[in-house]
N, C-alpha and C. Protein backbone atom coordinates (compact mmCIF):
# COMPACT_ATOMS: atom_id res chain seq x y z
N MET A 1 57.88 120.95 134.37
CA MET A 1 57.34 119.84 135.16
C MET A 1 57.54 118.54 134.38
N THR A 2 58.08 117.54 135.05
CA THR A 2 58.31 116.25 134.41
C THR A 2 57.06 115.39 134.47
N THR A 3 56.98 114.46 133.57
CA THR A 3 55.85 113.53 133.52
C THR A 3 56.07 112.41 134.53
N GLN A 4 55.02 112.03 135.23
CA GLN A 4 55.03 110.85 136.10
C GLN A 4 53.75 110.07 135.80
N TYR A 5 53.91 109.03 135.00
CA TYR A 5 52.75 108.20 134.72
C TYR A 5 52.32 107.47 135.97
N GLY A 6 51.02 107.33 136.12
CA GLY A 6 50.46 106.61 137.24
C GLY A 6 49.08 106.11 136.89
N MET A 7 48.44 105.49 137.86
CA MET A 7 47.15 104.87 137.60
C MET A 7 46.23 105.05 138.80
N LEU A 8 44.95 105.15 138.49
CA LEU A 8 43.89 105.10 139.49
C LEU A 8 43.12 103.82 139.23
N ILE A 9 42.90 103.04 140.28
CA ILE A 9 42.06 101.85 140.19
C ILE A 9 40.87 102.06 141.10
N ASP A 10 39.70 102.06 140.50
CA ASP A 10 38.45 102.24 141.23
C ASP A 10 37.95 100.86 141.64
N THR A 11 38.23 100.49 142.88
CA THR A 11 37.87 99.14 143.35
C THR A 11 36.36 98.94 143.44
N THR A 12 35.60 100.03 143.42
CA THR A 12 34.14 99.88 143.44
C THR A 12 33.63 99.39 142.09
N ARG A 13 34.47 99.48 141.07
CA ARG A 13 34.10 99.02 139.73
C ARG A 13 34.73 97.67 139.37
N CYS A 14 35.71 97.23 140.16
CA CYS A 14 36.39 95.96 139.89
C CYS A 14 35.52 94.79 140.31
N MET A 15 35.34 93.82 139.39
CA MET A 15 34.51 92.65 139.69
C MET A 15 35.35 91.39 139.89
N GLY A 16 36.66 91.55 139.96
CA GLY A 16 37.52 90.40 140.24
C GLY A 16 37.66 89.41 139.11
N CYS A 17 37.38 89.82 137.89
CA CYS A 17 37.38 88.88 136.75
C CYS A 17 38.78 88.47 136.31
N GLN A 18 39.79 89.22 136.66
CA GLN A 18 41.19 88.97 136.34
C GLN A 18 41.52 89.14 134.86
N THR A 19 40.64 89.82 134.12
CA THR A 19 40.93 90.11 132.72
C THR A 19 42.21 90.94 132.60
N CYS A 20 42.44 91.84 133.55
CA CYS A 20 43.64 92.67 133.55
C CYS A 20 44.90 91.80 133.66
N VAL A 21 44.85 90.81 134.52
CA VAL A 21 45.99 89.92 134.75
C VAL A 21 46.29 89.10 133.51
N VAL A 22 45.24 88.53 132.92
CA VAL A 22 45.40 87.68 131.74
C VAL A 22 45.83 88.49 130.52
N SER A 23 45.22 89.66 130.32
CA SER A 23 45.59 90.48 129.16
C SER A 23 47.04 90.93 129.25
N CYS A 24 47.50 91.26 130.45
CA CYS A 24 48.89 91.66 130.64
C CYS A 24 49.83 90.50 130.31
N LYS A 25 49.53 89.34 130.83
CA LYS A 25 50.39 88.17 130.61
C LYS A 25 50.49 87.82 129.14
N LEU A 26 49.34 87.76 128.47
CA LEU A 26 49.32 87.37 127.06
C LEU A 26 49.92 88.45 126.16
N SER A 27 49.53 89.68 126.35
CA SER A 27 49.96 90.76 125.47
C SER A 27 51.43 91.10 125.62
N ASN A 28 51.99 90.87 126.81
CA ASN A 28 53.41 91.14 127.04
C ASN A 28 54.27 89.88 126.95
N ALA A 29 53.65 88.75 126.61
CA ALA A 29 54.35 87.47 126.50
C ALA A 29 55.18 87.18 127.76
N VAL A 30 54.55 87.37 128.91
CA VAL A 30 55.22 87.11 130.19
C VAL A 30 55.41 85.60 130.31
N PRO A 31 56.63 85.14 130.56
CA PRO A 31 56.92 83.70 130.50
C PRO A 31 56.41 82.88 131.69
N GLY A 32 56.22 81.60 131.41
CA GLY A 32 55.94 80.59 132.43
C GLY A 32 54.83 80.94 133.39
N ASP A 33 55.09 80.70 134.66
CA ASP A 33 54.07 80.94 135.69
C ASP A 33 54.23 82.32 136.35
N ILE A 34 54.89 83.24 135.65
CA ILE A 34 55.08 84.60 136.15
C ILE A 34 53.91 85.47 135.70
N TYR A 35 53.42 86.28 136.62
CA TYR A 35 52.38 87.26 136.32
C TYR A 35 52.84 88.61 136.82
N TRP A 36 52.63 89.65 136.02
CA TRP A 36 53.04 91.00 136.42
C TRP A 36 51.97 91.72 137.22
N GLY A 37 50.79 91.18 137.26
CA GLY A 37 49.71 91.77 138.04
C GLY A 37 48.99 90.68 138.80
N ARG A 38 48.13 91.08 139.71
CA ARG A 38 47.35 90.13 140.48
C ARG A 38 46.10 90.83 141.01
N VAL A 39 45.13 90.05 141.42
CA VAL A 39 43.93 90.58 142.05
C VAL A 39 43.86 89.94 143.43
N VAL A 40 43.78 90.78 144.45
CA VAL A 40 43.75 90.30 145.83
C VAL A 40 42.50 90.83 146.52
N SER A 41 42.25 90.31 147.69
CA SER A 41 41.18 90.83 148.54
C SER A 41 41.75 92.01 149.31
N PRO A 42 41.02 93.10 149.42
CA PRO A 42 41.54 94.29 150.11
C PRO A 42 41.99 94.06 151.54
N ASP A 43 41.42 93.06 152.20
CA ASP A 43 41.81 92.80 153.59
C ASP A 43 42.95 91.80 153.70
N GLY A 44 43.48 91.36 152.56
CA GLY A 44 44.59 90.43 152.58
C GLY A 44 44.17 88.99 152.73
N ASP A 45 42.89 88.77 152.91
CA ASP A 45 42.37 87.41 153.03
C ASP A 45 42.22 86.81 151.64
N ARG A 46 41.65 85.64 151.57
CA ARG A 46 41.44 84.97 150.29
C ARG A 46 40.55 85.79 149.38
N VAL A 47 40.88 85.78 148.08
CA VAL A 47 40.04 86.43 147.08
C VAL A 47 38.77 85.60 146.90
N TYR A 48 37.69 86.25 146.58
CA TYR A 48 36.38 85.63 146.36
C TYR A 48 35.77 85.09 147.64
N ARG A 49 36.12 85.70 148.76
CA ARG A 49 35.51 85.35 150.03
C ARG A 49 34.71 86.56 150.50
N PRO A 50 33.40 86.43 150.58
CA PRO A 50 32.59 87.58 150.98
C PRO A 50 32.81 87.94 152.44
N SER A 51 32.57 89.21 152.75
CA SER A 51 32.62 89.66 154.14
C SER A 51 31.23 90.11 154.54
N GLY A 52 30.99 90.19 155.81
CA GLY A 52 29.67 90.59 156.31
C GLY A 52 28.77 89.38 156.51
N THR A 53 27.57 89.66 156.93
CA THR A 53 26.58 88.60 157.11
C THR A 53 25.32 88.94 156.32
N PHE A 54 24.66 87.92 155.86
CA PHE A 54 23.46 88.10 155.06
C PHE A 54 22.43 88.92 155.82
N PRO A 55 21.81 89.88 155.23
CA PRO A 55 21.80 90.25 153.81
C PRO A 55 22.81 91.34 153.46
N ASN A 56 23.69 91.67 154.35
CA ASN A 56 24.68 92.73 154.11
C ASN A 56 26.05 92.12 153.81
N VAL A 57 26.11 91.42 152.70
CA VAL A 57 27.34 90.75 152.28
C VAL A 57 28.03 91.59 151.21
N LYS A 58 29.35 91.60 151.27
CA LYS A 58 30.14 92.39 150.33
C LYS A 58 31.27 91.54 149.78
N LEU A 59 31.55 91.72 148.51
CA LEU A 59 32.67 91.04 147.86
C LEU A 59 33.51 92.14 147.21
N ALA A 60 34.78 92.23 147.57
CA ALA A 60 35.62 93.32 147.07
C ALA A 60 36.95 92.77 146.57
N PHE A 61 37.55 93.51 145.63
CA PHE A 61 38.80 93.10 145.01
C PHE A 61 39.73 94.29 144.89
N ARG A 62 41.04 94.01 144.90
CA ARG A 62 42.03 95.06 144.66
C ARG A 62 43.05 94.54 143.66
N PRO A 63 42.99 95.03 142.41
CA PRO A 63 44.03 94.66 141.45
C PRO A 63 45.35 95.34 141.86
N GLU A 64 46.44 94.62 141.74
CA GLU A 64 47.75 95.18 142.08
C GLU A 64 48.72 94.97 140.92
N LEU A 65 49.62 95.91 140.78
CA LEU A 65 50.66 95.89 139.77
C LEU A 65 51.83 96.69 140.31
N CYS A 66 52.86 96.85 139.52
CA CYS A 66 53.98 97.69 139.96
C CYS A 66 53.46 99.10 140.21
N ASN A 67 53.89 99.69 141.29
CA ASN A 67 53.46 101.04 141.66
C ASN A 67 54.27 102.14 140.99
N HIS A 68 55.27 101.80 140.22
CA HIS A 68 56.12 102.78 139.54
C HIS A 68 56.40 103.96 140.47
N CYS A 69 56.98 103.60 141.59
CA CYS A 69 57.19 104.52 142.71
C CYS A 69 58.08 105.71 142.36
N GLY A 70 57.84 106.80 143.04
CA GLY A 70 58.69 107.97 142.92
C GLY A 70 60.07 107.72 143.50
N SER A 71 60.13 106.92 144.56
CA SER A 71 61.40 106.52 145.20
C SER A 71 61.43 105.00 145.31
N PRO A 72 61.62 104.30 144.20
CA PRO A 72 61.51 102.84 144.21
C PRO A 72 62.64 102.14 144.96
N ALA A 73 62.26 101.30 145.91
CA ALA A 73 63.24 100.53 146.68
C ALA A 73 63.99 99.55 145.78
N CYS A 74 63.31 99.01 144.77
CA CYS A 74 63.96 98.05 143.87
C CYS A 74 65.11 98.71 143.11
N VAL A 75 64.94 99.96 142.71
CA VAL A 75 65.99 100.69 142.00
C VAL A 75 67.14 101.01 142.96
N ALA A 76 66.81 101.44 144.16
CA ALA A 76 67.84 101.81 145.14
C ALA A 76 68.73 100.62 145.50
N GLU A 77 68.17 99.43 145.52
CA GLU A 77 68.92 98.25 145.96
C GLU A 77 69.55 97.45 144.82
N CYS A 78 69.16 97.67 143.58
CA CYS A 78 69.68 96.89 142.46
C CYS A 78 71.19 97.11 142.32
N PRO A 79 72.01 96.05 142.40
CA PRO A 79 73.46 96.24 142.37
C PRO A 79 74.03 96.54 140.98
N THR A 80 73.26 96.29 139.92
CA THR A 80 73.80 96.49 138.57
C THR A 80 73.22 97.69 137.84
N GLY A 81 72.14 98.27 138.38
CA GLY A 81 71.46 99.34 137.67
C GLY A 81 70.45 98.83 136.65
N ALA A 82 70.23 97.52 136.64
CA ALA A 82 69.23 96.96 135.72
C ALA A 82 67.85 97.50 136.03
N MET A 83 67.53 97.60 137.29
CA MET A 83 66.26 98.18 137.70
C MET A 83 66.47 99.69 137.73
N HIS A 84 65.71 100.40 136.91
CA HIS A 84 65.91 101.83 136.78
C HIS A 84 64.59 102.55 136.55
N LYS A 85 64.61 103.85 136.84
CA LYS A 85 63.43 104.71 136.67
C LYS A 85 63.70 105.64 135.50
N ARG A 86 62.80 105.63 134.53
CA ARG A 86 62.94 106.47 133.34
C ARG A 86 62.69 107.94 133.69
N ASP A 87 63.60 108.81 133.30
CA ASP A 87 63.46 110.25 133.56
C ASP A 87 62.28 110.85 132.82
N GLU A 88 62.03 110.38 131.61
CA GLU A 88 61.02 111.02 130.76
C GLU A 88 59.58 110.77 131.18
N ASP A 89 59.32 109.68 131.95
CA ASP A 89 57.92 109.39 132.30
C ASP A 89 57.73 108.75 133.67
N GLY A 90 58.81 108.53 134.41
CA GLY A 90 58.70 107.97 135.76
C GLY A 90 58.43 106.49 135.83
N VAL A 91 58.43 105.81 134.68
CA VAL A 91 58.18 104.37 134.67
C VAL A 91 59.43 103.64 135.18
N VAL A 92 59.21 102.63 136.03
CA VAL A 92 60.31 101.83 136.57
C VAL A 92 60.40 100.55 135.74
N LEU A 93 61.59 100.28 135.22
CA LEU A 93 61.81 99.12 134.34
C LEU A 93 62.99 98.29 134.81
N SER A 94 63.03 97.06 134.33
CA SER A 94 64.17 96.18 134.54
C SER A 94 64.79 95.89 133.17
N ASP A 95 66.08 96.17 133.02
CA ASP A 95 66.79 95.93 131.77
C ASP A 95 67.32 94.50 131.78
N PRO A 96 66.75 93.62 130.94
CA PRO A 96 67.17 92.22 130.96
C PRO A 96 68.61 92.01 130.52
N ASP A 97 69.18 92.96 129.78
CA ASP A 97 70.57 92.83 129.34
C ASP A 97 71.56 93.15 130.45
N VAL A 98 71.10 93.83 131.49
CA VAL A 98 71.98 94.22 132.60
C VAL A 98 71.69 93.38 133.85
N CYS A 99 70.48 92.85 133.96
CA CYS A 99 70.07 92.07 135.14
C CYS A 99 70.89 90.79 135.25
N ILE A 100 71.34 90.49 136.46
CA ILE A 100 72.11 89.27 136.71
C ILE A 100 71.28 88.20 137.44
N GLY A 101 70.01 88.49 137.67
CA GLY A 101 69.13 87.51 138.29
C GLY A 101 69.39 87.26 139.75
N CYS A 102 69.93 88.25 140.45
CA CYS A 102 70.29 88.06 141.86
C CYS A 102 69.07 88.08 142.79
N GLY A 103 67.97 88.67 142.33
CA GLY A 103 66.75 88.72 143.14
C GLY A 103 66.73 89.82 144.18
N THR A 104 67.70 90.72 144.17
CA THR A 104 67.73 91.81 145.15
C THR A 104 66.49 92.68 145.02
N CYS A 105 66.06 92.95 143.80
CA CYS A 105 64.87 93.78 143.59
C CYS A 105 63.62 93.11 144.15
N VAL A 106 63.56 91.80 144.01
CA VAL A 106 62.42 91.04 144.52
C VAL A 106 62.35 91.19 146.04
N GLN A 107 63.49 91.08 146.69
CA GLN A 107 63.55 91.21 148.15
C GLN A 107 63.33 92.64 148.61
N ALA A 108 63.77 93.62 147.81
CA ALA A 108 63.70 95.03 148.22
C ALA A 108 62.30 95.62 148.09
N CYS A 109 61.53 95.16 147.12
CA CYS A 109 60.23 95.76 146.86
C CYS A 109 59.24 95.41 147.98
N PRO A 110 58.74 96.42 148.69
CA PRO A 110 57.81 96.13 149.78
C PRO A 110 56.42 95.71 149.28
N TYR A 111 56.18 95.86 147.97
CA TYR A 111 54.89 95.49 147.38
C TYR A 111 54.91 94.10 146.76
N ASP A 112 56.06 93.42 146.82
CA ASP A 112 56.18 92.06 146.28
C ASP A 112 55.84 92.03 144.79
N VAL A 113 56.46 92.93 144.01
CA VAL A 113 56.12 93.04 142.59
C VAL A 113 57.11 92.37 141.64
N PRO A 114 58.39 92.71 141.65
CA PRO A 114 59.28 92.07 140.66
C PRO A 114 59.25 90.55 140.81
N ARG A 115 59.35 89.89 139.68
CA ARG A 115 59.36 88.43 139.65
C ARG A 115 60.67 87.95 139.06
N LEU A 116 61.20 86.88 139.61
CA LEU A 116 62.45 86.32 139.10
C LEU A 116 62.11 85.16 138.17
N ASP A 117 62.52 85.30 136.92
CA ASP A 117 62.37 84.24 135.93
C ASP A 117 63.60 83.36 136.08
N GLU A 118 63.45 82.27 136.81
CA GLU A 118 64.60 81.43 137.12
C GLU A 118 65.18 80.77 135.88
N GLU A 119 64.35 80.49 134.90
CA GLU A 119 64.84 79.87 133.66
C GLU A 119 65.74 80.83 132.90
N ALA A 120 65.33 82.09 132.79
CA ALA A 120 66.13 83.10 132.07
C ALA A 120 67.15 83.78 132.99
N ASN A 121 67.02 83.55 134.30
CA ASN A 121 67.88 84.17 135.31
C ASN A 121 67.84 85.70 135.21
N ARG A 122 66.61 86.22 135.14
CA ARG A 122 66.38 87.65 135.04
C ARG A 122 65.11 88.02 135.80
N SER A 123 65.06 89.23 136.32
CA SER A 123 63.82 89.69 136.93
C SER A 123 63.00 90.42 135.87
N SER A 124 61.70 90.45 136.11
CA SER A 124 60.81 91.20 135.22
C SER A 124 59.65 91.72 136.04
N LYS A 125 58.95 92.70 135.48
CA LYS A 125 57.83 93.31 136.18
C LYS A 125 57.01 94.14 135.21
N CYS A 126 55.90 94.63 135.69
CA CYS A 126 55.03 95.51 134.92
C CYS A 126 55.81 96.69 134.38
N THR A 127 55.57 97.01 133.12
CA THR A 127 56.23 98.15 132.47
C THR A 127 55.27 99.33 132.29
N LEU A 128 54.06 99.19 132.79
CA LEU A 128 52.98 100.16 132.58
C LEU A 128 52.74 100.37 131.09
N CYS A 129 53.19 99.38 130.30
CA CYS A 129 53.07 99.45 128.83
C CYS A 129 53.53 100.82 128.33
N TYR A 130 54.70 101.25 128.81
CA TYR A 130 55.22 102.58 128.49
C TYR A 130 55.32 102.80 126.99
N ASP A 131 55.59 101.75 126.23
CA ASP A 131 55.68 101.88 124.78
C ASP A 131 54.31 102.19 124.18
N ARG A 132 53.26 101.61 124.74
CA ARG A 132 51.90 101.91 124.27
C ARG A 132 51.50 103.33 124.67
N LEU A 133 51.85 103.74 125.90
CA LEU A 133 51.54 105.10 126.34
C LEU A 133 52.22 106.13 125.42
N ALA A 134 53.46 105.84 125.03
CA ALA A 134 54.18 106.76 124.14
C ALA A 134 53.51 106.87 122.78
N ALA A 135 52.76 105.82 122.38
CA ALA A 135 52.05 105.82 121.10
C ALA A 135 50.58 106.22 121.28
N ASP A 136 50.27 106.86 122.42
CA ASP A 136 48.89 107.29 122.74
C ASP A 136 47.90 106.14 122.78
N LYS A 137 48.37 104.99 123.27
CA LYS A 137 47.50 103.83 123.48
C LYS A 137 47.47 103.51 124.97
N LEU A 138 46.43 102.85 125.40
CA LEU A 138 46.29 102.48 126.81
C LEU A 138 47.09 101.22 127.12
N PRO A 139 47.56 101.08 128.35
CA PRO A 139 48.16 99.80 128.75
C PRO A 139 47.12 98.68 128.56
N TRP A 140 47.60 97.48 128.33
CA TRP A 140 46.71 96.35 128.08
C TRP A 140 45.71 96.15 129.21
N CYS A 141 46.14 96.28 130.44
CA CYS A 141 45.23 96.05 131.57
C CYS A 141 44.10 97.08 131.61
N VAL A 142 44.40 98.30 131.22
CA VAL A 142 43.39 99.36 131.20
C VAL A 142 42.42 99.12 130.04
N GLN A 143 42.97 98.82 128.89
CA GLN A 143 42.15 98.59 127.69
C GLN A 143 41.21 97.40 127.87
N ALA A 144 41.67 96.37 128.55
CA ALA A 144 40.90 95.13 128.66
C ALA A 144 39.86 95.13 129.77
N CYS A 145 39.95 96.04 130.72
CA CYS A 145 39.09 96.00 131.91
C CYS A 145 37.62 96.21 131.53
N PRO A 146 36.77 95.17 131.71
CA PRO A 146 35.36 95.32 131.35
C PRO A 146 34.58 96.24 132.30
N GLY A 147 35.08 96.43 133.51
CA GLY A 147 34.42 97.30 134.47
C GLY A 147 34.87 98.76 134.37
N GLU A 148 35.80 99.02 133.45
CA GLU A 148 36.38 100.35 133.28
C GLU A 148 36.81 100.92 134.64
N ALA A 149 37.57 100.09 135.36
CA ALA A 149 38.00 100.44 136.71
C ALA A 149 39.38 101.10 136.74
N ARG A 150 40.06 101.15 135.61
CA ARG A 150 41.44 101.67 135.58
C ARG A 150 41.55 102.91 134.72
N PHE A 151 42.33 103.87 135.24
CA PHE A 151 42.58 105.12 134.52
C PHE A 151 44.07 105.39 134.63
N VAL A 152 44.68 105.79 133.53
CA VAL A 152 46.13 106.02 133.51
C VAL A 152 46.43 107.37 132.88
N GLY A 153 47.52 107.97 133.32
CA GLY A 153 47.94 109.24 132.75
C GLY A 153 49.03 109.88 133.58
N ASP A 154 49.27 111.15 133.30
CA ASP A 154 50.33 111.91 133.96
C ASP A 154 49.81 112.46 135.28
N LEU A 155 50.36 111.97 136.37
CA LEU A 155 49.94 112.42 137.70
C LEU A 155 50.34 113.87 137.95
N ASN A 156 51.38 114.34 137.27
CA ASN A 156 51.86 115.70 137.48
C ASN A 156 51.10 116.75 136.68
N ASP A 157 50.18 116.30 135.83
CA ASP A 157 49.36 117.23 135.06
C ASP A 157 47.99 117.32 135.72
N PRO A 158 47.71 118.40 136.43
CA PRO A 158 46.44 118.50 137.15
C PRO A 158 45.22 118.46 136.24
N GLU A 159 45.42 118.69 134.94
CA GLU A 159 44.32 118.64 133.97
C GLU A 159 44.09 117.25 133.41
N SER A 160 44.99 116.30 133.69
CA SER A 160 44.81 114.94 133.16
C SER A 160 43.63 114.27 133.86
N GLU A 161 42.99 113.35 133.15
CA GLU A 161 41.84 112.65 133.71
C GLU A 161 42.21 111.92 135.01
N VAL A 162 43.37 111.27 135.01
CA VAL A 162 43.75 110.48 136.18
C VAL A 162 43.99 111.39 137.39
N ALA A 163 44.67 112.52 137.20
CA ALA A 163 44.93 113.43 138.32
C ALA A 163 43.62 114.04 138.84
N ARG A 164 42.75 114.38 137.92
CA ARG A 164 41.45 114.95 138.31
C ARG A 164 40.63 113.93 139.09
N LEU A 165 40.59 112.68 138.64
CA LEU A 165 39.81 111.64 139.33
C LEU A 165 40.39 111.31 140.71
N ILE A 166 41.71 111.29 140.81
CA ILE A 166 42.35 111.04 142.11
C ILE A 166 41.92 112.11 143.10
N ALA A 167 41.94 113.38 142.66
CA ALA A 167 41.54 114.48 143.54
C ALA A 167 40.05 114.42 143.88
N GLU A 168 39.22 114.18 142.88
CA GLU A 168 37.77 114.14 143.09
C GLU A 168 37.34 113.01 144.02
N LYS A 169 37.96 111.85 143.85
CA LYS A 169 37.55 110.66 144.59
C LYS A 169 38.32 110.46 145.89
N GLY A 170 39.32 111.31 146.13
CA GLY A 170 40.12 111.16 147.35
C GLY A 170 40.91 109.86 147.35
N ALA A 171 41.37 109.44 146.18
CA ALA A 171 42.10 108.17 146.05
C ALA A 171 43.44 108.25 146.77
N LYS A 172 43.88 107.10 147.27
CA LYS A 172 45.15 107.00 147.99
C LYS A 172 45.91 105.76 147.52
N PRO A 173 47.24 105.83 147.54
CA PRO A 173 48.02 104.62 147.27
C PRO A 173 47.97 103.69 148.48
N ILE A 174 48.25 102.43 148.26
CA ILE A 174 48.33 101.52 149.41
C ILE A 174 49.73 101.63 150.02
N HIS A 175 49.79 101.48 151.30
CA HIS A 175 51.05 101.50 152.06
C HIS A 175 51.92 102.72 151.76
N GLU A 176 51.34 103.89 151.89
CA GLU A 176 52.13 105.12 151.76
C GLU A 176 53.25 105.15 152.80
N ASP A 177 53.04 104.43 153.89
CA ASP A 177 54.02 104.39 154.98
C ASP A 177 55.33 103.71 154.58
N PHE A 178 55.36 103.03 153.44
CA PHE A 178 56.61 102.40 152.99
C PHE A 178 57.62 103.44 152.53
N GLY A 179 57.17 104.67 152.28
CA GLY A 179 58.08 105.75 151.89
C GLY A 179 58.60 105.68 150.47
N THR A 180 57.90 104.98 149.59
CA THR A 180 58.36 104.83 148.21
C THR A 180 57.64 105.75 147.23
N SER A 181 56.65 106.52 147.68
CA SER A 181 55.85 107.40 146.83
C SER A 181 55.24 106.66 145.65
N PRO A 182 54.34 105.68 145.93
CA PRO A 182 53.73 104.91 144.85
C PRO A 182 52.88 105.77 143.92
N SER A 183 52.82 105.36 142.65
CA SER A 183 52.07 106.11 141.63
C SER A 183 50.79 105.39 141.20
N VAL A 184 50.37 104.40 141.97
CA VAL A 184 49.09 103.73 141.72
C VAL A 184 48.19 104.07 142.90
N TYR A 185 47.02 104.62 142.59
CA TYR A 185 46.07 105.08 143.60
C TYR A 185 44.81 104.23 143.54
N TYR A 186 44.16 104.13 144.70
CA TYR A 186 42.95 103.32 144.82
C TYR A 186 41.80 104.09 145.45
N VAL A 187 40.61 103.82 144.94
CA VAL A 187 39.36 104.31 145.53
C VAL A 187 38.71 103.10 146.17
């Protein structure tokens, strides 16, 4: 059985603080105004806008990052092979030495994840901190989350914490209908 790294995000624990977004940007030295993650409202409306009426008001958030899909559209459409899926762990990466900055991956991704760095003329995206995972460390976004809303591990190992929590909580990826087999699940 091959490894497929993935993540569970428990939105009931997310407080919308954006620590995950900032820690990712700073720790990965993501350039300029590019961010590899974001926090959105689950209904697609503005973030930090409550729903419901008093006294039954609710405020909810959904952190988003690359889904490291099983069948990534960005990889399928990349004309140079710069966007690729690692066999050893299922992580989807962009190779800056091969990328020509055409933006095909940006257009192909139905989750709006890859970002085009126009200054460097290269695309970039979340790497799931695969190098940290290989060293038995957590991705920066997971480590920094004060609400402990993120769990990462091998989705193909039913004994892993992330696989067990996904099963226990009935977590689902967003937009399964896109047919990309996303590896980020939400409660």
